[in-house]
PDB file of N, CA and C in Angstrom:
ATOM      1  N   UNK A   1       0.853  -1.175   0.000  1.00  0.00           N
ATOM      2  CA  UNK A   1       0.000   0.000   0.000  1.00  0.00           C
ATOM      3  C   UNK A   1       0.901   1.240   0.000  1.00  0.00           C
ATOM      4  N   UNK A   2       0.704   2.109  -0.949  1.00  0.00           N
ATOM      5  CA  UNK A   2       1.499   3.334  -1.030  1.00  0.00           C
ATOM      6  C   UNK A   2       0.849   4.430  -0.197  1.00  0.00           C
ATOM      7  N   UNK A   3       1.558   5.538  -0.080  1.00  0.00           N
ATOM      8  CA  UNK A   3       1.048   6.653   0.718  1.00  0.00           C
ATOM      9  C   UNK A   3      -0.233   7.216   0.122  1.00  0.00           C
ATOM     10  N   UNK A   4      -0.344   7.254  -1.199  1.00  0.00           N
ATOM     11  CA  UNK A   4      -1.535   7.810  -1.830  1.00  0.00           C
ATOM     12  C   UNK A   4      -2.763   6.923  -1.631  1.00  0.00           C
ATOM     13  N   UNK A   5      -2.549   5.640  -1.329  1.00  0.00           N
ATOM     14  CA  UNK A   5      -3.666   4.723  -1.117  1.00  0.00           C
ATOM     15  C   UNK A   5      -4.023   4.588   0.359  1.00  0.00           C
ATOM     16  N   UNK A   6      -3.434   5.389   1.212  1.00  0.00           N
ATOM     17  CA  UNK A   6      -3.700   5.326   2.646  1.00  0.00           C
ATOM     18  C   UNK A   6      -5.175   5.635   2.897  1.00  0.00           C
ATOM     19  N   UNK A   7      -5.930   4.664   3.439  1.00  0.00           N
ATOM     20  CA  UNK A   7      -7.361   4.895   3.654  1.00  0.00           C
ATOM     21  C   UNK A   7      -7.607   5.760   4.885  1.00  0.00           C
ATOM     22  N   UNK A   8      -7.925   6.999   4.696  1.00  0.00           N
ATOM     23  CA  UNK A   8      -8.255   7.885   5.804  1.00  0.00           C
ATOM     24  C   UNK A   8      -9.727   7.711   6.126  1.00  0.00           C
ATOM     25  N   UNK A   9      -9.998   7.498   7.387  1.00  0.00           N
ATOM     26  CA  UNK A   9     -11.382   7.302   7.786  1.00  0.00           C
ATOM     27  C   UNK A   9     -12.098   8.646   7.840  1.00  0.00           C
ATOM     28  N   UNK A  10     -11.450   9.656   8.371  1.00  0.00           N
ATOM     29  CA  UNK A  10     -12.049  10.981   8.450  1.00  0.00           C
ATOM     30  C   UNK A  10     -11.104  11.996   7.823  1.00  0.00           C
ATOM     31  N   UNK A  11     -11.656  12.953   7.133  1.00  0.00           N
ATOM     32  CA  UNK A  11     -10.863  14.010   6.518  1.00  0.00           C
ATOM     33  C   UNK A  11     -11.229  15.325   7.189  1.00  0.00           C
ATOM     34  N   UNK A  12     -10.226  15.989   7.760  1.00  0.00           N
ATOM     35  CA  UNK A  12     -10.448  17.268   8.441  1.00  0.00           C
ATOM     36  C   UNK A  12     -10.491  18.386   7.406  1.00  0.00           C
ATOM     37  N   UNK A  13     -11.501  19.250   7.497  1.00  0.00           N
ATOM     38  CA  UNK A  13     -11.615  20.380   6.583  1.00  0.00           C
ATOM     39  C   UNK A  13     -11.762  21.673   7.364  1.00  0.00           C
ATOM     40  N   UNK A  14     -11.553  22.761   6.679  1.00  0.00           N
ATOM     41  CA  UNK A  14     -11.756  24.080   7.262  1.00  0.00           C
ATOM     42  C   UNK A  14     -12.940  24.725   6.539  1.00  0.00           C
ATOM     43  N   UNK A  15     -14.104  24.808   7.180  1.00  0.00           N
ATOM     44  CA  UNK A  15     -15.288  25.365   6.523  1.00  0.00           C
ATOM     45  C   UNK A  15     -15.129  26.830   6.114  1.00  0.00           C
ATOM     46  N   UNK A  16     -14.131  27.531   6.633  1.00  0.00           N
ATOM     47  CA  UNK A  16     -13.944  28.931   6.276  1.00  0.00           C
ATOM     48  C   UNK A  16     -13.628  29.101   4.799  1.00  0.00           C
ATOM     49  N   UNK A  17     -13.090  28.072   4.162  1.00  0.00           N
ATOM     50  CA  UNK A  17     -12.778  28.145   2.743  1.00  0.00           C
ATOM     51  C   UNK A  17     -13.899  27.599   1.869  1.00  0.00           C
ATOM     52  N   UNK A  18     -14.974  27.137   2.480  1.00  0.00           N
ATOM     53  CA  UNK A  18     -16.100  26.573   1.743  1.00  0.00           C
ATOM     54  C   UNK A  18     -17.122  27.630   1.351  1.00  0.00           C
ATOM     55  N   UNK A  19     -18.250  27.148   0.844  1.00  0.00           N
ATOM     56  CA  UNK A  19     -19.333  28.034   0.410  1.00  0.00           C
ATOM     57  C   UNK A  19     -20.330  28.260   1.535  1.00  0.00           C
ATOM     58  N   UNK A  20     -20.915  29.440   1.532  1.00  0.00           N
ATOM     59  CA  UNK A  20     -22.010  29.745   2.450  1.00  0.00           C
ATOM     60  C   UNK A  20     -23.240  28.964   1.989  1.00  0.00           C
ATOM     61  N   UNK A  21     -23.954  28.288   2.899  1.00  0.00           N
ATOM     62  CA  UNK A  21     -25.129  27.517   2.486  1.00  0.00           C
ATOM     63  C   UNK A  21     -26.265  28.374   1.952  1.00  0.00           C
ATOM     64  N   UNK A  22     -26.308  29.650   2.324  1.00  0.00           N
ATOM     65  CA  UNK A  22     -27.425  30.499   1.906  1.00  0.00           C
ATOM     66  C   UNK A  22     -27.111  31.279   0.628  1.00  0.00           C
ATOM     67  N   UNK A  23     -26.011  32.055   0.629  1.00  0.00           N
ATOM     68  CA  UNK A  23     -25.731  32.918  -0.527  1.00  0.00           C
ATOM     69  C   UNK A  23     -24.717  32.316  -1.493  1.00  0.00           C
ATOM     70  N   UNK A  24     -24.130  31.179  -1.157  1.00  0.00           N
ATOM     71  CA  UNK A  24     -23.164  30.439  -1.982  1.00  0.00           C
ATOM     72  C   UNK A  24     -21.862  31.204  -2.237  1.00  0.00           C
ATOM     73  N   UNK A  25     -21.565  32.222  -1.443  1.00  0.00           N
ATOM     74  CA  UNK A  25     -20.301  32.941  -1.571  1.00  0.00           C
ATOM     75  C   UNK A  25     -19.170  32.060  -1.046  1.00  0.00           C
ATOM     76  N   UNK A  26     -18.011  32.150  -1.691  1.00  0.00           N
ATOM     77  CA  UNK A  26     -16.869  31.329  -1.315  1.00  0.00           C
ATOM     78  C   UNK A  26     -15.967  32.107  -0.364  1.00  0.00           C
ATOM     79  N   UNK A  27     -15.471  31.449   0.649  1.00  0.00           N
ATOM     80  CA  UNK A  27     -14.515  31.990   1.630  1.00  0.00           C
ATOM     81  C   UNK A  27     -15.052  33.198   2.394  1.00  0.00           C
ATOM     82  N   UNK A  28     -16.328  33.188   2.726  1.00  0.00           N
ATOM     83  CA  UNK A  28     -16.898  34.290   3.498  1.00  0.00           C
ATOM     84  C   UNK A  28     -17.300  33.862   4.902  1.00  0.00           C
ATOM     85  N   UNK A  29     -17.114  32.586   5.234  1.00  0.00           N
ATOM     86  CA  UNK A  29     -17.489  32.090   6.554  1.00  0.00           C
ATOM     87  C   UNK A  29     -16.375  32.355   7.562  1.00  0.00           C
ATOM     88  N   UNK A  30     -16.766  32.714   8.767  1.00  0.00           N
ATOM     89  CA  UNK A  30     -15.808  32.849   9.858  1.00  0.00           C
ATOM     90  C   UNK A  30     -16.454  32.320  11.127  1.00  0.00           C
ATOM     91  N   UNK A  31     -15.604  31.926  12.077  1.00  0.00           N
ATOM     92  CA  UNK A  31     -16.095  31.334  13.316  1.00  0.00           C
ATOM     93  C   UNK A  31     -16.922  32.337  14.095  1.00  0.00           C
ATOM     94  N   UNK A  32     -17.967  31.830  14.716  1.00  0.00           N
ATOM     95  CA  UNK A  32     -18.852  32.648  15.533  1.00  0.00           C
ATOM     96  C   UNK A  32     -18.905  32.040  16.931  1.00  0.00           C
ATOM     97  N   UNK A  33     -19.051  32.875  17.916  1.00  0.00           N
ATOM     98  CA  UNK A  33     -19.132  32.382  19.290  1.00  0.00           C
ATOM     99  C   UNK A  33     -20.455  31.682  19.544  1.00  0.00           C
ATOM    100  N   UNK A  34     -20.418  30.696  20.422  1.00  0.00           N
ATOM    101  CA  UNK A  34     -21.650  30.025  20.838  1.00  0.00           C
ATOM    102  C   UNK A  34     -22.428  30.978  21.734  1.00  0.00           C
ATOM    103  N   UNK A  35     -23.677  31.254  21.378  1.00  0.00           N
ATOM    104  CA  UNK A  35     -24.474  32.236  22.116  1.00  0.00           C
ATOM    105  C   UNK A  35     -25.421  31.616  23.131  1.00  0.00           C
ATOM    106  N   UNK A  36     -25.695  30.337  23.005  1.00  0.00           N
ATOM    107  CA  UNK A  36     -26.626  29.698  23.938  1.00  0.00           C
ATOM    108  C   UNK A  36     -25.984  28.434  24.509  1.00  0.00           C
ATOM    109  N   UNK A  37     -26.618  27.910  25.514  1.00  0.00           N
ATOM    110  CA  UNK A  37     -26.131  26.673  26.123  1.00  0.00           C
ATOM    111  C   UNK A  37     -26.198  25.527  25.110  1.00  0.00           C
ATOM    112  N   UNK A  38     -27.251  25.492  24.293  1.00  0.00           N
ATOM    113  CA  UNK A  38     -27.395  24.471  23.257  1.00  0.00           C
ATOM    114  C   UNK A  38     -26.198  24.508  22.303  1.00  0.00           C
ATOM    115  N   UNK A  39     -25.810  25.688  21.837  1.00  0.00           N
ATOM    116  CA  UNK A  39     -24.682  25.814  20.918  1.00  0.00           C
ATOM    117  C   UNK A  39     -23.377  25.395  21.578  1.00  0.00           C
ATOM    118  N   UNK A  40     -23.219  25.677  22.855  1.00  0.00           N
ATOM    119  CA  UNK A  40     -22.011  25.268  23.565  1.00  0.00           C
ATOM    120  C   UNK A  40     -21.930  23.749  23.685  1.00  0.00           C
ATOM    121  N   UNK A  41     -23.069  23.126  23.951  1.00  0.00           N
ATOM    122  CA  UNK A  41     -23.100  21.667  24.062  1.00  0.00           C
ATOM    123  C   UNK A  41     -22.788  21.027  22.718  1.00  0.00           C
ATOM    124  N   UNK A  42     -23.418  21.525  21.645  1.00  0.00           N
ATOM    125  CA  UNK A  42     -23.168  20.979  20.307  1.00  0.00           C
ATOM    126  C   UNK A  42     -21.701  21.150  19.943  1.00  0.00           C
ATOM    127  N   UNK A  43     -21.127  22.292  20.234  1.00  0.00           N
ATOM    128  CA  UNK A  43     -19.733  22.572  19.894  1.00  0.00           C
ATOM    129  C   UNK A  43     -18.781  21.622  20.627  1.00  0.00           C
ATOM    130  N   UNK A  44     -19.103  21.282  21.870  1.00  0.00           N
ATOM    131  CA  UNK A  44     -18.191  20.460  22.667  1.00  0.00           C
ATOM    132  C   UNK A  44     -18.294  18.964  22.400  1.00  0.00           C
ATOM    133  N   UNK A  45     -19.481  18.464  22.061  1.00  0.00           N
ATOM    134  CA  UNK A  45     -19.625  17.010  21.929  1.00  0.00           C
ATOM    135  C   UNK A  45     -19.710  16.525  20.485  1.00  0.00           C
ATOM    136  N   UNK A  46     -19.721  17.433  19.506  1.00  0.00           N
ATOM    137  CA  UNK A  46     -19.783  17.015  18.104  1.00  0.00           C
ATOM    138  C   UNK A  46     -18.641  17.653  17.320  1.00  0.00           C
ATOM    139  N   UNK A  47     -18.624  17.380  16.029  1.00  0.00           N
ATOM    140  CA  UNK A  47     -17.636  17.972  15.136  1.00  0.00           C
ATOM    141  C   UNK A  47     -18.160  19.235  14.467  1.00  0.00           C
ATOM    142  N   UNK A  48     -19.292  19.743  14.949  1.00  0.00           N
ATOM    143  CA  UNK A  48     -19.883  20.939  14.368  1.00  0.00           C
ATOM    144  C   UNK A  48     -19.460  22.173  15.140  1.00  0.00           C
ATOM    145  N   UNK A  49     -19.135  23.214  14.416  1.00  0.00           N
ATOM    146  CA  UNK A  49     -18.774  24.502  15.005  1.00  0.00           C
ATOM    147  C   UNK A  49     -19.706  25.568  14.417  1.00  0.00           C
ATOM    148  N   UNK A  50     -19.855  26.681  15.143  1.00  0.00           N
ATOM    149  CA  UNK A  50     -20.736  27.755  14.706  1.00  0.00           C
ATOM    150  C   UNK A  50     -19.973  28.706  13.790  1.00  0.00           C
ATOM    151  N   UNK A  51     -20.569  29.028  12.639  1.00  0.00           N
ATOM    152  CA  UNK A  51     -19.965  29.940  11.659  1.00  0.00           C
ATOM    153  C   UNK A  51     -20.972  31.007  11.264  1.00  0.00           C
ATOM    154  N   UNK A  52     -20.437  32.130  10.775  1.00  0.00           N
ATOM    155  CA  UNK A  52     -21.265  33.216  10.273  1.00  0.00           C
ATOM    156  C   UNK A  52     -20.698  33.667   8.926  1.00  0.00           C
ATOM    157  N   UNK A  53     -21.605  34.037   8.004  1.00  0.00           N
ATOM    158  CA  UNK A  53     -21.201  34.524   6.682  1.00  0.00           C
ATOM    159  C   UNK A  53     -21.008  36.041   6.747  1.00  0.00           C
ATOM    160  N   UNK A  54     -19.902  36.529   6.197  1.00  0.00           N
ATOM    161  CA  UNK A  54     -19.615  37.966   6.182  1.00  0.00           C
ATOM    162  C   UNK A  54     -20.508  38.706   5.183  1.00  0.00           C
ATOM    163  N   UNK A  55     -20.968  38.001   4.148  1.00  0.00           N
ATOM    164  CA  UNK A  55     -21.772  38.629   3.090  1.00  0.00           C
ATOM    165  C   UNK A  55     -23.249  38.765   3.461  1.00  0.00           C
ATOM    166  N   UNK A  56     -23.887  37.647   3.766  1.00  0.00           N
ATOM    167  CA  UNK A  56     -25.341  37.656   3.957  1.00  0.00           C
ATOM    168  C   UNK A  56     -25.767  37.586   5.427  1.00  0.00           C
ATOM    169  N   UNK A  57     -24.834  37.282   6.341  1.00  0.00           N
ATOM    170  CA  UNK A  57     -25.177  37.219   7.751  1.00  0.00           C
ATOM    171  C   UNK A  57     -25.692  35.872   8.218  1.00  0.00           C
ATOM    172  N   UNK A  58     -25.695  34.870   7.324  1.00  0.00           N
ATOM    173  CA  UNK A  58     -26.136  33.534   7.723  1.00  0.00           C
ATOM    174  C   UNK A  58     -25.317  33.080   8.919  1.00  0.00           C
ATOM    175  N   UNK A  59     -25.959  32.394   9.854  1.00  0.00           N
ATOM    176  CA  UNK A  59     -25.277  31.874  11.031  1.00  0.00           C
ATOM    177  C   UNK A  59     -25.793  30.477  11.300  1.00  0.00           C
ATOM    178  N   UNK A  60     -24.864  29.538  11.444  1.00  0.00           N
ATOM    179  CA  UNK A  60     -25.266  28.167  11.710  1.00  0.00           C
ATOM    180  C   UNK A  60     -24.079  27.256  11.922  1.00  0.00           C
ATOM    181  N   UNK A  61     -24.360  25.958  11.962  1.00  0.00           N
ATOM    182  CA  UNK A  61     -23.330  24.956  12.223  1.00  0.00           C
ATOM    183  C   UNK A  61     -22.767  24.415  10.926  1.00  0.00           C
ATOM    184  N   UNK A  62     -21.455  24.197  10.912  1.00  0.00           N
ATOM    185  CA  UNK A  62     -20.768  23.535   9.808  1.00  0.00           C
ATOM    186  C   UNK A  62     -19.856  22.478  10.400  1.00  0.00           C
ATOM    187  N   UNK A  63     -19.730  21.354   9.735  1.00  0.00           N
ATOM    188  CA  UNK A  63     -18.884  20.266  10.218  1.00  0.00           C
ATOM    189  C   UNK A  63     -17.434  20.509   9.828  1.00  0.00           C
ATOM    190  N   UNK A  64     -16.531  20.076  10.697  1.00  0.00           N
ATOM    191  CA  UNK A  64     -15.114  20.194  10.410  1.00  0.00           C
ATOM    192  C   UNK A  64     -14.545  18.885   9.872  1.00  0.00           C
ATOM    193  N   UNK A  65     -15.388  17.855   9.729  1.00  0.00           N
ATOM    194  CA  UNK A  65     -14.964  16.566   9.196  1.00  0.00           C
ATOM    195  C   UNK A  65     -15.829  16.179   8.015  1.00  0.00           C
ATOM    196  N   UNK A  66     -15.240  15.477   7.080  1.00  0.00           N
ATOM    197  CA  UNK A  66     -15.961  14.992   5.904  1.00  0.00           C
ATOM    198  C   UNK A  66     -15.891  13.467   5.899  1.00  0.00           C
ATOM    199  N   UNK A  67     -17.011  12.837   5.646  1.00  0.00           N
ATOM    200  CA  UNK A  67     -17.068  11.399   5.483  1.00  0.00           C
ATOM    201  C   UNK A  67     -17.154  11.108   3.991  1.00  0.00           C
ATOM    202  N   UNK A  68     -16.187  10.339   3.481  1.00  0.00           N
ATOM    203  CA  UNK A  68     -16.223   9.936   2.084  1.00  0.00           C
ATOM    204  C   UNK A  68     -16.833   8.543   1.985  1.00  0.00           C
ATOM    205  N   UNK A  69     -17.056   8.088   0.785  1.00  0.00           N
ATOM    206  CA  UNK A  69     -17.619   6.757   0.594  1.00  0.00           C
ATOM    207  C   UNK A  69     -16.689   5.686   1.172  1.00  0.00           C
ATOM    208  N   UNK A  70     -15.386   5.870   0.942  1.00  0.00           N
ATOM    209  CA  UNK A  70     -14.407   4.928   1.495  1.00  0.00           C
ATOM    210  C   UNK A  70     -14.411   4.962   3.017  1.00  0.00           C
ATOM    211  N   UNK A  71     -14.514   6.154   3.578  1.00  0.00           N
ATOM    212  CA  UNK A  71     -14.467   6.256   5.035  1.00  0.00           C
ATOM    213  C   UNK A  71     -15.685   5.589   5.672  1.00  0.00           C
ATOM    214  N   UNK A  72     -16.842   5.723   5.070  1.00  0.00           N
ATOM    215  CA  UNK A  72     -18.036   5.070   5.607  1.00  0.00           C
ATOM    216  C   UNK A  72     -17.888   3.553   5.516  1.00  0.00           C
ATOM    217  N   UNK A  73     -17.316   3.077   4.418  1.00  0.00           N
ATOM    218  CA  UNK A  73     -17.083   1.642   4.258  1.00  0.00           C
ATOM    219  C   UNK A  73     -16.121   1.136   5.329  1.00  0.00           C
ATOM    220  N   UNK A  74     -15.074   1.893   5.615  1.00  0.00           N
ATOM    221  CA  UNK A  74     -14.105   1.487   6.634  1.00  0.00           C
ATOM    222  C   UNK A  74     -14.733   1.501   8.025  1.00  0.00           C
ATOM    223  N   UNK A  75     -15.568   2.476   8.303  1.00  0.00           N
ATOM    224  CA  UNK A  75     -16.238   2.532   9.595  1.00  0.00           C
ATOM    225  C   UNK A  75     -17.149   1.319   9.778  1.00  0.00           C
ATOM    226  N   UNK A  76     -17.877   0.952   8.736  1.00  0.00           N
ATOM    227  CA  UNK A  76     -18.752  -0.229   8.798  1.00  0.00           C
ATOM    228  C   UNK A  76     -17.930  -1.493   9.028  1.00  0.00           C
ATOM    229  N   UNK A  77     -16.797  -1.616   8.334  1.00  0.00           N
ATOM    230  CA  UNK A  77     -15.933  -2.790   8.527  1.00  0.00           C
ATOM    231  C   UNK A  77     -15.425  -2.848   9.958  1.00  0.00           C
ATOM    232  N   UNK A  78     -14.986  -1.715  10.509  1.00  0.00           N
ATOM    233  CA  UNK A  78     -14.512  -1.683  11.896  1.00  0.00           C
ATOM    234  C   UNK A  78     -15.622  -2.079  12.865  1.00  0.00           C
ATOM    235  N   UNK A  79     -16.834  -1.592  12.628  1.00  0.00           N
ATOM    236  CA  UNK A  79     -17.952  -1.946  13.507  1.00  0.00           C
ATOM    237  C   UNK A  79     -18.268  -3.437  13.442  1.00  0.00           C
ATOM    238  N   UNK A  80     -18.217  -4.015  12.256  1.00  0.00           N
ATOM    239  CA  UNK A  80     -18.454  -5.453  12.107  1.00  0.00           C
ATOM    240  C   UNK A  80     -17.391  -6.254  12.850  1.00  0.00           C
ATOM    241  N   UNK A  81     -16.132  -5.830  12.735  1.00  0.00           N
ATOM    242  CA  UNK A  81     -15.045  -6.517  13.445  1.00  0.00           C
ATOM    243  C   UNK A  81     -15.255  -6.423  14.957  1.00  0.00           C
ATOM    244  N   UNK A  82     -15.655  -5.267  15.446  1.00  0.00           N
ATOM    245  CA  UNK A  82     -15.893  -5.091  16.883  1.00  0.00           C
ATOM    246  C   UNK A  82     -17.039  -5.981  17.355  1.00  0.00           C
ATOM    247  N   UNK A  83     -18.122  -6.038  16.580  1.00  0.00           N
ATOM    248  CA  UNK A  83     -19.274  -6.863  16.959  1.00  0.00           C
ATOM    249  C   UNK A  83     -18.907  -8.347  16.966  1.00  0.00           C
ATOM    250  N   UNK A  84     -18.195  -8.799  15.942  1.00  0.00           N
ATOM    251  CA  UNK A  84     -17.792 -10.215  15.877  1.00  0.00           C
ATOM    252  C   UNK A  84     -16.870 -10.553  17.040  1.00  0.00           C
ATOM    253  N   UNK A  85     -15.918  -9.677  17.334  1.00  0.00           N
ATOM    254  CA  UNK A  85     -15.007  -9.910  18.456  1.00  0.00           C
ATOM    255  C   UNK A  85     -15.760  -9.974  19.780  1.00  0.00           C
ATOM    256  N   UNK A  86     -16.725  -9.089  19.967  1.00  0.00           N
ATOM    257  CA  UNK A  86     -17.516  -9.094  21.197  1.00  0.00           C
ATOM    258  C   UNK A  86     -18.338 -10.377  21.313  1.00  0.00           C
ATOM    259  N   UNK A  87     -18.907 -10.845  20.211  1.00  0.00           N
ATOM    260  CA  UNK A  87     -19.689 -12.084  20.246  1.00  0.00           C
ATOM    261  C   UNK A  87     -18.810 -13.298  20.553  1.00  0.00           C
ATOM    262  N   UNK A  88     -17.616 -13.340  19.975  1.00  0.00           N
ATOM    263  CA  UNK A  88     -16.692 -14.442  20.257  1.00  0.00           C
ATOM    264  C   UNK A  88     -16.268 -14.412  21.721  1.00  0.00           C
ATOM    265  N   UNK A  89     -15.939 -13.218  22.223  1.00  0.00           N
ATOM    266  CA  UNK A  89     -15.537 -13.094  23.628  1.00  0.00           C
ATOM    267  C   UNK A  89     -16.677 -13.511  24.552  1.00  0.00           C
ATOM    268  N   UNK A  90     -17.901 -13.120  24.245  1.00  0.00           N
ATOM    269  CA  UNK A  90     -19.058 -13.502  25.053  1.00  0.00           C
ATOM    270  C   UNK A  90     -19.251 -15.012  25.048  1.00  0.00           C
ATOM    271  N   UNK A  91     -19.129 -15.605  23.865  1.00  0.00           N
ATOM    272  CA  UNK A  91     -19.263 -17.060  23.742  1.00  0.00           C
ATOM    273  C   UNK A  91     -18.209 -17.775  24.587  1.00  0.00           C
ATOM    274  N   UNK A  92     -16.967 -17.331  24.499  1.00  0.00           N
ATOM    275  CA  UNK A  92     -15.892 -17.959  25.258  1.00  0.00           C
ATOM    276  C   UNK A  92     -16.084 -17.790  26.757  1.00  0.00           C
ATOM    277  N   UNK A  93     -16.525 -16.634  27.178  1.00  0.00           N
ATOM    278  CA  UNK A  93     -16.741 -16.389  28.606  1.00  0.00           C
ATOM    279  C   UNK A  93     -17.882 -17.247  29.138  1.00  0.00           C
ATOM    280  N   UNK A  94     -18.980 -17.312  28.408  1.00  0.00           N
ATOM    281  CA  UNK A  94     -20.138 -18.080  28.862  1.00  0.00           C
ATOM    282  C   UNK A  94     -19.850 -19.576  28.882  1.00  0.00           C
ATOM    283  N   UNK A  95     -19.186 -20.088  27.846  1.00  0.00           N
ATOM    284  CA  UNK A  95     -19.004 -21.543  27.737  1.00  0.00           C
ATOM    285  C   UNK A  95     -17.778 -22.087  28.467  1.00  0.00           C
ATOM    286  N   UNK A  96     -16.732 -21.298  28.658  1.00  0.00           N
ATOM    287  CA  UNK A  96     -15.525 -21.854  29.229  1.00  0.00           C
ATOM    288  C   UNK A  96     -15.134 -21.230  30.568  1.00  0.00           C
ATOM    289  N   UNK A  97     -15.392 -19.981  30.773  1.00  0.00           N
ATOM    290  CA  UNK A  97     -14.956 -19.335  31.998  1.00  0.00           C
ATOM    291  C   UNK A  97     -15.935 -19.552  33.147  1.00  0.00           C
ATOM    292  N   UNK A  98     -17.197 -19.731  32.858  1.00  0.00           N
ATOM    293  CA  UNK A  98     -18.199 -19.844  33.919  1.00  0.00           C
ATOM    294  C   UNK A  98     -18.475 -21.296  34.317  1.00  0.00           C
ATOM    295  N   UNK A  99     -17.753 -22.253  33.757  1.00  0.00           N
ATOM    296  CA  UNK A  99     -17.994 -23.656  34.110  1.00  0.00           C
ATOM    297  C   UNK A  99     -17.195 -24.107  35.282  1.00  0.00           C
TER     298      UNK A  99
END
């Protein structure tokens, strides 16, 4: 596997260089402070941050991570591996450790 084929599960992006969802202007978004408790909670426990558009005044959440088709496939594979491992461990514990 070469460096270019490295499967990245998550890709970090900077929404400031993206388009505004309302006016479609490019590179007009900038970070905005969380004004309510709800916005503070969302900012701390998710990958969403609050942004504001300099052109139209739009204000809302934008994600700092992008999920690609490959990344979703890798996440599903990891989840399947975790579930299978947990089932095998449960089987071994129930049948051999508790006897």
